[in-house]
Full PDB file with SEQRES, HELIX, SHEET, SSBOND, CRYST1, ORIGX, SCALE, CONECT and MASTER records, all heavy atoms in Angstrom:
SEQRES   1 A   36  VAL GLU ASP ARG SER GLY VAL LEU ALA ALA VAL ALA THR          
SEQRES   2 A   36  LYS PHE ALA GLU HIS ASP VAL SER ILE GLU THR VAL ARG          
SEQRES   3 A   36  GLN GLN VAL VAL THR ASP GLU GLU GLY ALA                      
HELIX    1 AA1 VAL A    7  GLU A   17  1                                  11    
CRYST1    1.000    1.000    1.000  90.00  90.00  90.00 P 1           1          
ORIGX1      1.000000  0.000000  0.000000        0.00000                         
ORIGX2      0.000000  1.000000  0.000000        0.00000                         
ORIGX3      0.000000  0.000000  1.000000        0.00000                         
SCALE1      1.000000  0.000000  0.000000        0.00000                         
SCALE2      0.000000  1.000000  0.000000        0.00000                         
SCALE3      0.000000  0.000000  1.000000        0.00000                         
ATOM      1  N   VAL A   1      95.064 100.637 115.516  1.00  0.00           N  
ATOM      2  CA  VAL A   1      93.686 100.705 116.035  1.00  0.00           C  
ATOM      3  C   VAL A   1      93.069  99.328 116.118  1.00  0.00           C  
ATOM      4  O   VAL A   1      93.571  98.337 115.549  1.00  0.00           O  
ATOM      5  CB  VAL A   1      92.784 101.602 115.062  1.00  0.00           C  
ATOM      6  CG1 VAL A   1      93.329 103.011 114.981  1.00  0.00           C  
ATOM      7  CG2 VAL A   1      92.689 100.963 113.668  1.00  0.00           C  
ATOM      8  N   GLU A   2      91.939  99.249 116.830  1.00  0.00           N  
ATOM      9  CA  GLU A   2      91.183  98.004 116.906  1.00  0.00           C  
ATOM     10  C   GLU A   2      90.582  97.666 115.517  1.00  0.00           C  
ATOM     11  O   GLU A   2      90.154  98.529 114.833  1.00  0.00           O  
ATOM     12  CB  GLU A   2      90.060  98.124 117.960  1.00  0.00           C  
ATOM     13  CG  GLU A   2      90.520  98.416 119.356  1.00  0.00           C  
ATOM     14  CD  GLU A   2      91.281  97.266 119.973  1.00  0.00           C  
ATOM     15  OE1 GLU A   2      91.040  96.101 119.492  1.00  0.00           O  
ATOM     16  OE2 GLU A   2      92.140  97.479 120.880  1.00  0.00           O  
ATOM     17  N   ASP A   3      90.572  96.397 115.225  1.00  0.00           N  
ATOM     18  CA  ASP A   3      90.020  95.978 113.914  1.00  0.00           C  
ATOM     19  C   ASP A   3      88.550  95.644 114.039  1.00  0.00           C  
ATOM     20  O   ASP A   3      88.120  94.490 114.167  1.00  0.00           O  
ATOM     21  CB  ASP A   3      90.828  94.754 113.408  1.00  0.00           C  
ATOM     22  CG  ASP A   3      90.366  94.355 111.970  1.00  0.00           C  
ATOM     23  OD1 ASP A   3      89.790  95.205 111.291  1.00  0.00           O  
ATOM     24  OD2 ASP A   3      90.562  93.163 111.615  1.00  0.00           O  
ATOM     25  N   ARG A   4      87.756  96.735 114.119  1.00  0.00           N  
ATOM     26  CA  ARG A   4      86.329  96.523 114.254  1.00  0.00           C  
ATOM     27  C   ARG A   4      85.589  97.701 113.565  1.00  0.00           C  
ATOM     28  O   ARG A   4      86.192  98.778 113.312  1.00  0.00           O  
ATOM     29  CB  ARG A   4      85.925  96.415 115.712  1.00  0.00           C  
ATOM     30  CG  ARG A   4      86.367  97.609 116.559  1.00  0.00           C  
ATOM     31  CD  ARG A   4      85.954  97.346 118.061  1.00  0.00           C  
ATOM     32  NE  ARG A   4      86.528  98.291 118.968  1.00  0.00           N  
ATOM     33  CZ  ARG A   4      86.112  99.530 119.231  1.00  0.00           C  
ATOM     34  NH1 ARG A   4      85.047  99.965 118.521  1.00  0.00           N  
ATOM     35  NH2 ARG A   4      86.691 100.293 120.106  1.00  0.00           N  
ATOM     36  N   SER A   5      84.293  97.518 113.380  1.00  0.00           N  
ATOM     37  CA  SER A   5      83.532  98.551 112.676  1.00  0.00           C  
ATOM     38  C   SER A   5      83.394  99.839 113.565  1.00  0.00           C  
ATOM     39  O   SER A   5      83.426  99.763 114.798  1.00  0.00           O  
ATOM     40  CB  SER A   5      82.126  98.003 112.375  1.00  0.00           C  
ATOM     41  OG  SER A   5      81.438  97.676 113.558  1.00  0.00           O  
ATOM     42  N   GLY A   6      83.249 100.951 112.873  1.00  0.00           N  
ATOM     43  CA  GLY A   6      83.093 102.235 113.581  1.00  0.00           C  
ATOM     44  C   GLY A   6      84.377 102.952 113.911  1.00  0.00           C  
ATOM     45  O   GLY A   6      84.332 104.106 114.287  1.00  0.00           O  
ATOM     46  N   VAL A   7      85.489 102.268 113.783  1.00  0.00           N  
ATOM     47  CA  VAL A   7      86.789 102.895 114.139  1.00  0.00           C  
ATOM     48  C   VAL A   7      87.116 104.072 113.207  1.00  0.00           C  
ATOM     49  O   VAL A   7      87.467 105.133 113.636  1.00  0.00           O  
ATOM     50  CB  VAL A   7      87.893 101.905 114.188  1.00  0.00           C  
ATOM     51  CG1 VAL A   7      89.236 102.562 114.406  1.00  0.00           C  
ATOM     52  CG2 VAL A   7      87.685 100.861 115.254  1.00  0.00           C  
ATOM     53  N   LEU A   8      86.975 103.817 111.911  1.00  0.00           N  
ATOM     54  CA  LEU A   8      87.329 104.852 110.932  1.00  0.00           C  
ATOM     55  C   LEU A   8      86.388 106.092 111.105  1.00  0.00           C  
ATOM     56  O   LEU A   8      86.874 107.208 110.996  1.00  0.00           O  
ATOM     57  CB  LEU A   8      87.200 104.295 109.547  1.00  0.00           C  
ATOM     58  CG  LEU A   8      87.565 105.236 108.399  1.00  0.00           C  
ATOM     59  CD1 LEU A   8      89.046 105.773 108.549  1.00  0.00           C  
ATOM     60  CD2 LEU A   8      87.411 104.582 107.023  1.00  0.00           C  
ATOM     61  N   ALA A   9      85.102 105.820 111.389  1.00  0.00           N  
ATOM     62  CA  ALA A   9      84.222 106.938 111.614  1.00  0.00           C  
ATOM     63  C   ALA A   9      84.612 107.759 112.859  1.00  0.00           C  
ATOM     64  O   ALA A   9      84.591 109.023 112.843  1.00  0.00           O  
ATOM     65  CB  ALA A   9      82.819 106.433 111.782  1.00  0.00           C  
ATOM     66  N   ALA A  10      85.071 107.083 113.890  1.00  0.00           N  
ATOM     67  CA  ALA A  10      85.452 107.790 115.150  1.00  0.00           C  
ATOM     68  C   ALA A  10      86.716 108.641 114.873  1.00  0.00           C  
ATOM     69  O   ALA A  10      86.813 109.779 115.327  1.00  0.00           O  
ATOM     70  CB  ALA A  10      85.700 106.792 116.243  1.00  0.00           C  
ATOM     71  N   VAL A  11      87.639 108.076 114.094  1.00  0.00           N  
ATOM     72  CA  VAL A  11      88.870 108.778 113.763  1.00  0.00           C  
ATOM     73  C   VAL A  11      88.573 109.990 112.892  1.00  0.00           C  
ATOM     74  O   VAL A  11      89.052 111.097 113.147  1.00  0.00           O  
ATOM     75  CB  VAL A  11      89.839 107.836 113.036  1.00  0.00           C  
ATOM     76  CG1 VAL A  11      91.016 108.602 112.400  1.00  0.00           C  
ATOM     77  CG2 VAL A  11      90.392 106.788 114.048  1.00  0.00           C  
ATOM     78  N   ALA A  12      87.724 109.796 111.867  1.00  0.00           N  
ATOM     79  CA  ALA A  12      87.349 110.885 110.965  1.00  0.00           C  
ATOM     80  C   ALA A  12      86.673 112.010 111.726  1.00  0.00           C  
ATOM     81  O   ALA A  12      86.894 113.233 111.466  1.00  0.00           O  
ATOM     82  CB  ALA A  12      86.502 110.403 109.850  1.00  0.00           C  
ATOM     83  N   THR A  13      85.823 111.625 112.676  1.00  0.00           N  
ATOM     84  CA  THR A  13      85.119 112.643 113.485  1.00  0.00           C  
ATOM     85  C   THR A  13      86.119 113.498 114.313  1.00  0.00           C  
ATOM     86  O   THR A  13      85.955 114.738 114.409  1.00  0.00           O  
ATOM     87  CB  THR A  13      84.137 111.965 114.502  1.00  0.00           C  
ATOM     88  OG1 THR A  13      83.198 111.256 113.678  1.00  0.00           O  
ATOM     89  CG2 THR A  13      83.424 112.996 115.370  1.00  0.00           C  
ATOM     90  N   LYS A  14      87.168 112.893 114.810  1.00  0.00           N  
ATOM     91  CA  LYS A  14      88.165 113.628 115.592  1.00  0.00           C  
ATOM     92  C   LYS A  14      88.906 114.658 114.729  1.00  0.00           C  
ATOM     93  O   LYS A  14      89.157 115.787 115.147  1.00  0.00           O  
ATOM     94  CB  LYS A  14      89.180 112.669 116.218  1.00  0.00           C  
ATOM     95  CG  LYS A  14      90.091 113.282 117.188  1.00  0.00           C  
ATOM     96  CD  LYS A  14      89.361 113.940 118.347  1.00  0.00           C  
ATOM     97  CE  LYS A  14      88.603 112.955 119.208  1.00  0.00           C  
ATOM     98  NZ  LYS A  14      87.974 113.625 120.369  1.00  0.00           N  
ATOM     99  N   PHE A  15      89.182 114.279 113.442  1.00  0.00           N  
ATOM    100  CA  PHE A  15      89.762 115.256 112.536  1.00  0.00           C  
ATOM    101  C   PHE A  15      88.799 116.430 112.264  1.00  0.00           C  
ATOM    102  O   PHE A  15      89.164 117.581 112.208  1.00  0.00           O  
ATOM    103  CB  PHE A  15      90.136 114.568 111.206  1.00  0.00           C  
ATOM    104  CG  PHE A  15      91.426 113.865 111.203  1.00  0.00           C  
ATOM    105  CD1 PHE A  15      91.528 112.509 111.667  1.00  0.00           C  
ATOM    106  CD2 PHE A  15      92.611 114.523 110.869  1.00  0.00           C  
ATOM    107  CE1 PHE A  15      92.760 111.864 111.678  1.00  0.00           C  
ATOM    108  CE2 PHE A  15      93.828 113.870 110.874  1.00  0.00           C  
ATOM    109  CZ  PHE A  15      93.944 112.582 111.299  1.00  0.00           C  
ATOM    110  N   ALA A  16      87.518 116.087 112.074  1.00  0.00           N  
ATOM    111  CA  ALA A  16      86.535 117.049 111.739  1.00  0.00           C  
ATOM    112  C   ALA A  16      86.328 118.073 112.909  1.00  0.00           C  
ATOM    113  O   ALA A  16      86.085 119.233 112.727  1.00  0.00           O  
ATOM    114  CB  ALA A  16      85.211 116.429 111.403  1.00  0.00           C  
ATOM    115  N   GLU A  17      86.442 117.552 114.132  1.00  0.00           N  
ATOM    116  CA  GLU A  17      86.329 118.391 115.339  1.00  0.00           C  
ATOM    117  C   GLU A  17      87.289 119.543 115.318  1.00  0.00           C  
ATOM    118  O   GLU A  17      87.057 120.641 115.852  1.00  0.00           O  
ATOM    119  CB  GLU A  17      86.437 117.559 116.571  1.00  0.00           C  
ATOM    120  CG  GLU A  17      85.284 116.699 116.901  1.00  0.00           C  
ATOM    121  CD  GLU A  17      85.536 115.831 118.142  1.00  0.00           C  
ATOM    122  OE1 GLU A  17      86.647 116.007 118.759  1.00  0.00           O  
ATOM    123  OE2 GLU A  17      84.697 114.991 118.490  1.00  0.00           O  
ATOM    124  N   HIS A  18      88.456 119.335 114.767  1.00  0.00           N  
ATOM    125  CA  HIS A  18      89.483 120.346 114.714  1.00  0.00           C  
ATOM    126  C   HIS A  18      89.658 121.001 113.345  1.00  0.00           C  
ATOM    127  O   HIS A  18      90.649 121.669 113.090  1.00  0.00           O  
ATOM    128  CB  HIS A  18      90.853 119.716 115.168  1.00  0.00           C  
ATOM    129  CG  HIS A  18      90.840 119.232 116.564  1.00  0.00           C  
ATOM    130  ND1 HIS A  18      90.965 120.041 117.669  1.00  0.00           N  
ATOM    131  CD2 HIS A  18      90.640 117.966 117.107  1.00  0.00           C  
ATOM    132  CE1 HIS A  18      90.868 119.347 118.790  1.00  0.00           C  
ATOM    133  NE2 HIS A  18      90.704 118.057 118.441  1.00  0.00           N  
ATOM    134  N   ASP A  19      88.663 120.805 112.498  1.00  0.00           N  
ATOM    135  CA  ASP A  19      88.610 121.396 111.157  1.00  0.00           C  
ATOM    136  C   ASP A  19      89.816 121.054 110.356  1.00  0.00           C  
ATOM    137  O   ASP A  19      90.376 121.835 109.604  1.00  0.00           O  
ATOM    138  CB  ASP A  19      88.515 122.916 111.311  1.00  0.00           C  
ATOM    139  CG  ASP A  19      87.970 123.547 110.010  1.00  0.00           C  
ATOM    140  OD1 ASP A  19      87.272 122.886 109.228  1.00  0.00           O  
ATOM    141  OD2 ASP A  19      88.316 124.765 109.789  1.00  0.00           O  
ATOM    142  N   VAL A  20      90.240 119.775 110.422  1.00  0.00           N  
ATOM    143  CA  VAL A  20      91.371 119.285 109.628  1.00  0.00           C  
ATOM    144  C   VAL A  20      90.863 118.319 108.623  1.00  0.00           C  
ATOM    145  O   VAL A  20      90.150 117.350 108.972  1.00  0.00           O  
ATOM    146  CB  VAL A  20      92.417 118.565 110.533  1.00  0.00           C  
ATOM    147  CG1 VAL A  20      93.517 117.936 109.676  1.00  0.00           C  
ATOM    148  CG2 VAL A  20      93.076 119.528 111.520  1.00  0.00           C  
ATOM    149  N   SER A  21      91.143 118.564 107.363  1.00  0.00           N  
ATOM    150  CA  SER A  21      90.644 117.740 106.268  1.00  0.00           C  
ATOM    151  C   SER A  21      91.622 116.619 105.976  1.00  0.00           C  
ATOM    152  O   SER A  21      92.831 116.779 105.922  1.00  0.00           O  
ATOM    153  CB  SER A  21      90.419 118.568 105.008  1.00  0.00           C  
ATOM    154  OG  SER A  21      90.063 117.830 103.920  1.00  0.00           O  
ATOM    155  N   ILE A  22      91.045 115.454 105.745  1.00  0.00           N  
ATOM    156  CA  ILE A  22      91.916 114.273 105.397  1.00  0.00           C  
ATOM    157  C   ILE A  22      92.047 114.170 103.875  1.00  0.00           C  
ATOM    158  O   ILE A  22      91.114 114.220 103.133  1.00  0.00           O  
ATOM    159  CB  ILE A  22      91.248 112.954 105.924  1.00  0.00           C  
ATOM    160  CG1 ILE A  22      91.153 112.951 107.437  1.00  0.00           C  
ATOM    161  CG2 ILE A  22      92.002 111.718 105.379  1.00  0.00           C  
ATOM    162  CD1 ILE A  22      90.430 111.752 108.036  1.00  0.00           C  
ATOM    163  N   GLU A  23      93.339 114.044 103.464  1.00  0.00           N  
ATOM    164  CA  GLU A  23      93.615 113.925 102.046  1.00  0.00           C  
ATOM    165  C   GLU A  23      93.569 112.445 101.580  1.00  0.00           C  
ATOM    166  O   GLU A  23      92.870 112.118 100.623  1.00  0.00           O  
ATOM    167  CB  GLU A  23      95.034 114.519 101.713  1.00  0.00           C  
ATOM    168  CG  GLU A  23      95.422 114.400 100.234  1.00  0.00           C  
ATOM    169  CD  GLU A  23      96.811 114.969 100.029  1.00  0.00           C  
ATOM    170  OE1 GLU A  23      97.033 116.130 100.375  1.00  0.00           O  
ATOM    171  OE2 GLU A  23      97.665 114.237  99.402  1.00  0.00           O  
ATOM    172  N   THR A  24      94.228 111.579 102.284  1.00  0.00           N  
ATOM    173  CA  THR A  24      94.233 110.183 101.983  1.00  0.00           C  
ATOM    174  C   THR A  24      94.184 109.347 103.245  1.00  0.00           C  
ATOM    175  O   THR A  24      94.634 109.788 104.333  1.00  0.00           O  
ATOM    176  CB  THR A  24      95.424 109.701 101.179  1.00  0.00           C  
ATOM    177  OG1 THR A  24      96.631 109.898 101.936  1.00  0.00           O  
ATOM    178  CG2 THR A  24      95.556 110.465  99.882  1.00  0.00           C  
ATOM    179  N   VAL A  25      93.586 108.170 103.226  1.00  0.00           N  
ATOM    180  CA  VAL A  25      93.568 107.223 104.333  1.00  0.00           C  
ATOM    181  C   VAL A  25      93.753 105.796 103.802  1.00  0.00           C  
ATOM    182  O   VAL A  25      93.181 105.429 102.775  1.00  0.00           O  
ATOM    183  CB  VAL A  25      92.281 107.342 105.148  1.00  0.00           C  
ATOM    184  CG1 VAL A  25      91.080 107.023 104.290  1.00  0.00           C  
ATOM    185  CG2 VAL A  25      92.339 106.390 106.367  1.00  0.00           C  
ATOM    186  N   ARG A  26      94.615 105.040 104.420  1.00  0.00           N  
ATOM    187  CA  ARG A  26      94.898 103.667 103.972  1.00  0.00           C  
ATOM    188  C   ARG A  26      94.887 102.786 105.195  1.00  0.00           C  
ATOM    189  O   ARG A  26      95.367 103.152 106.248  1.00  0.00           O  
ATOM    190  CB  ARG A  26      96.296 103.656 103.308  1.00  0.00           C  
ATOM    191  CG  ARG A  26      96.704 102.332 102.726  1.00  0.00           C  
ATOM    192  CD  ARG A  26      97.848 102.499 101.724  1.00  0.00           C  
ATOM    193  NE  ARG A  26      98.930 103.352 102.278  1.00  0.00           N  
ATOM    194  CZ  ARG A  26     100.003 102.840 102.899  1.00  0.00           C  
ATOM    195  NH1 ARG A  26     100.158 101.527 103.061  1.00  0.00           N  
ATOM    196  NH2 ARG A  26     100.964 103.659 103.318  1.00  0.00           N  
ATOM    197  N   GLN A  27      94.333 101.574 105.036  1.00  0.00           N  
ATOM    198  CA  GLN A  27      94.244 100.622 106.156  1.00  0.00           C  
ATOM    199  C   GLN A  27      95.048  99.375 105.867  1.00  0.00           C  
ATOM    200  O   GLN A  27      94.973  98.866 104.702  1.00  0.00           O  
ATOM    201  CB  GLN A  27      92.784 100.277 106.466  1.00  0.00           C  
ATOM    202  CG  GLN A  27      92.676  99.333 107.614  1.00  0.00           C  
ATOM    203  CD  GLN A  27      91.214  99.111 108.028  1.00  0.00           C  
ATOM    204  OE1 GLN A  27      90.399 100.039 107.980  1.00  0.00           O  
ATOM    205  NE2 GLN A  27      90.855  97.920 108.450  1.00  0.00           N  
ATOM    206  N   GLN A  28      95.772  98.909 106.861  1.00  0.00           N  
ATOM    207  CA  GLN A  28      96.511  97.659 106.750  1.00  0.00           C  
ATOM    208  C   GLN A  28      96.110  96.772 107.900  1.00  0.00           C  
ATOM    209  O   GLN A  28      96.069  97.245 109.087  1.00  0.00           O  
ATOM    210  CB  GLN A  28      98.015  97.906 106.751  1.00  0.00           C  
ATOM    211  CG  GLN A  28      98.589  98.678 105.599  1.00  0.00           C  
ATOM    212  CD  GLN A  28     100.053  98.974 105.759  1.00  0.00           C  
ATOM    213  OE1 GLN A  28     100.569  98.977 106.831  1.00  0.00           O  
ATOM    214  NE2 GLN A  28     100.730  99.170 104.594  1.00  0.00           N  
ATOM    215  N   VAL A  29      95.829  95.509 107.653  1.00  0.00           N  
ATOM    216  CA  VAL A  29      95.480  94.613 108.758  1.00  0.00           C  
ATOM    217  C   VAL A  29      96.763  93.800 109.106  1.00  0.00           C  
ATOM    218  O   VAL A  29      97.453  93.235 108.254  1.00  0.00           O  
ATOM    219  CB  VAL A  29      94.384  93.646 108.307  1.00  0.00           C  
ATOM    220  CG1 VAL A  29      94.091  92.596 109.440  1.00  0.00           C  
ATOM    221  CG2 VAL A  29      93.131  94.409 107.990  1.00  0.00           C  
ATOM    222  N   VAL A  30      97.068  93.814 110.399  1.00  0.00           N  
ATOM    223  CA  VAL A  30      98.263  93.084 110.886  1.00  0.00           C  
ATOM    224  C   VAL A  30      97.827  92.215 112.068  1.00  0.00           C  
ATOM    225  O   VAL A  30      96.685  92.335 112.548  1.00  0.00           O  
ATOM    226  CB  VAL A  30      99.357  94.059 111.307  1.00  0.00           C  
ATOM    227  CG1 VAL A  30      99.857  94.866 110.156  1.00  0.00           C  
ATOM    228  CG2 VAL A  30      98.842  94.965 112.412  1.00  0.00           C  
ATOM    229  N   THR A  31      98.699  91.399 112.534  1.00  0.00           N  
ATOM    230  CA  THR A  31      98.425  90.574 113.705  1.00  0.00           C  
ATOM    231  C   THR A  31      99.454  90.892 114.825  1.00  0.00           C  
ATOM    232  O   THR A  31     100.620  91.180 114.513  1.00  0.00           O  
ATOM    233  CB  THR A  31      98.482  89.094 113.395  1.00  0.00           C  
ATOM    234  OG1 THR A  31      99.730  88.767 112.811  1.00  0.00           O  
ATOM    235  CG2 THR A  31      97.376  88.692 112.385  1.00  0.00           C  
ATOM    236  N   ASP A  32      98.963  90.895 116.023  1.00  0.00           N  
ATOM    237  CA  ASP A  32      99.882  91.176 117.175  1.00  0.00           C  
ATOM    238  C   ASP A  32     100.660  89.903 117.521  1.00  0.00           C  
ATOM    239  O   ASP A  32     100.574  88.852 116.855  1.00  0.00           O  
ATOM    240  CB  ASP A  32      99.144  91.770 118.336  1.00  0.00           C  
ATOM    241  CG  ASP A  32      98.095  90.803 118.875  1.00  0.00           C  
ATOM    242  OD1 ASP A  32      98.163  89.590 118.642  1.00  0.00           O  
ATOM    243  OD2 ASP A  32      97.183  91.260 119.594  1.00  0.00           O  
ATOM    244  N   GLU A  33     101.404  89.915 118.599  1.00  0.00           N  
ATOM    245  CA  GLU A  33     102.251  88.818 118.997  1.00  0.00           C  
ATOM    246  C   GLU A  33     101.421  87.561 119.390  1.00  0.00           C  
ATOM    247  O   GLU A  33     101.911  86.437 119.325  1.00  0.00           O  
ATOM    248  CB  GLU A  33     103.094  89.215 120.231  1.00  0.00           C  
ATOM    249  CG  GLU A  33     104.154  90.260 119.825  1.00  0.00           C  
ATOM    250  CD  GLU A  33     104.940  90.715 121.060  1.00  0.00           C  
ATOM    251  OE1 GLU A  33     104.679  90.229 122.163  1.00  0.00           O  
ATOM    252  OE2 GLU A  33     105.899  91.491 120.870  1.00  0.00           O  
ATOM    253  N   GLU A  34     100.155  87.806 119.787  1.00  0.00           N  
ATOM    254  CA  GLU A  34      99.285  86.678 120.151  1.00  0.00           C  
ATOM    255  C   GLU A  34      98.400  86.245 119.014  1.00  0.00           C  
ATOM    256  O   GLU A  34      97.526  85.375 119.192  1.00  0.00           O  
ATOM    257  CB  GLU A  34      98.436  87.108 121.312  1.00  0.00           C  
ATOM    258  CG  GLU A  34      99.239  87.497 122.547  1.00  0.00           C  
ATOM    259  CD  GLU A  34      98.352  87.950 123.699  1.00  0.00           C  
ATOM    260  OE1 GLU A  34      97.127  88.077 123.503  1.00  0.00           O  
ATOM    261  OE2 GLU A  34      98.899  88.216 124.796  1.00  0.00           O  
ATOM    262  N   GLY A  35      98.579  86.826 117.789  1.00  0.00           N  
ATOM    263  CA  GLY A  35      97.833  86.388 116.653  1.00  0.00           C  
ATOM    264  C   GLY A  35      96.507  87.085 116.490  1.00  0.00           C  
ATOM    265  O   GLY A  35      95.699  86.778 115.577  1.00  0.00           O  
ATOM    266  N   ALA A  36      96.210  88.028 117.318  1.00  0.00           N  
ATOM    267  CA  ALA A  36      94.912  88.786 117.269  1.00  0.00           C  
ATOM    268  C   ALA A  36      94.989  89.828 116.128  1.00  0.00           C  
ATOM    269  O   ALA A  36      96.036  90.443 115.926  1.00  0.00           O  
ATOM    270  CB  ALA A  36      94.568  89.443 118.553  1.00  0.00           C  
TER     271      ALA A  36                                                      
MASTER        0    0    0    1    0    0    0    6  270    1    0    3          
END                                                                             
C-alpha cells in the first residue's frame, strides 16, 4: 500500500463493508527499486 495517512482506515472500512472482522494487523515500511 501507499505509505500515507488514511490508508489503514480505508482498508479497515473495506473489511467492515463485508462484515469481516480483523484479528491482527501489522505494518512494515519498505522501499521500492527507486527508493520511495
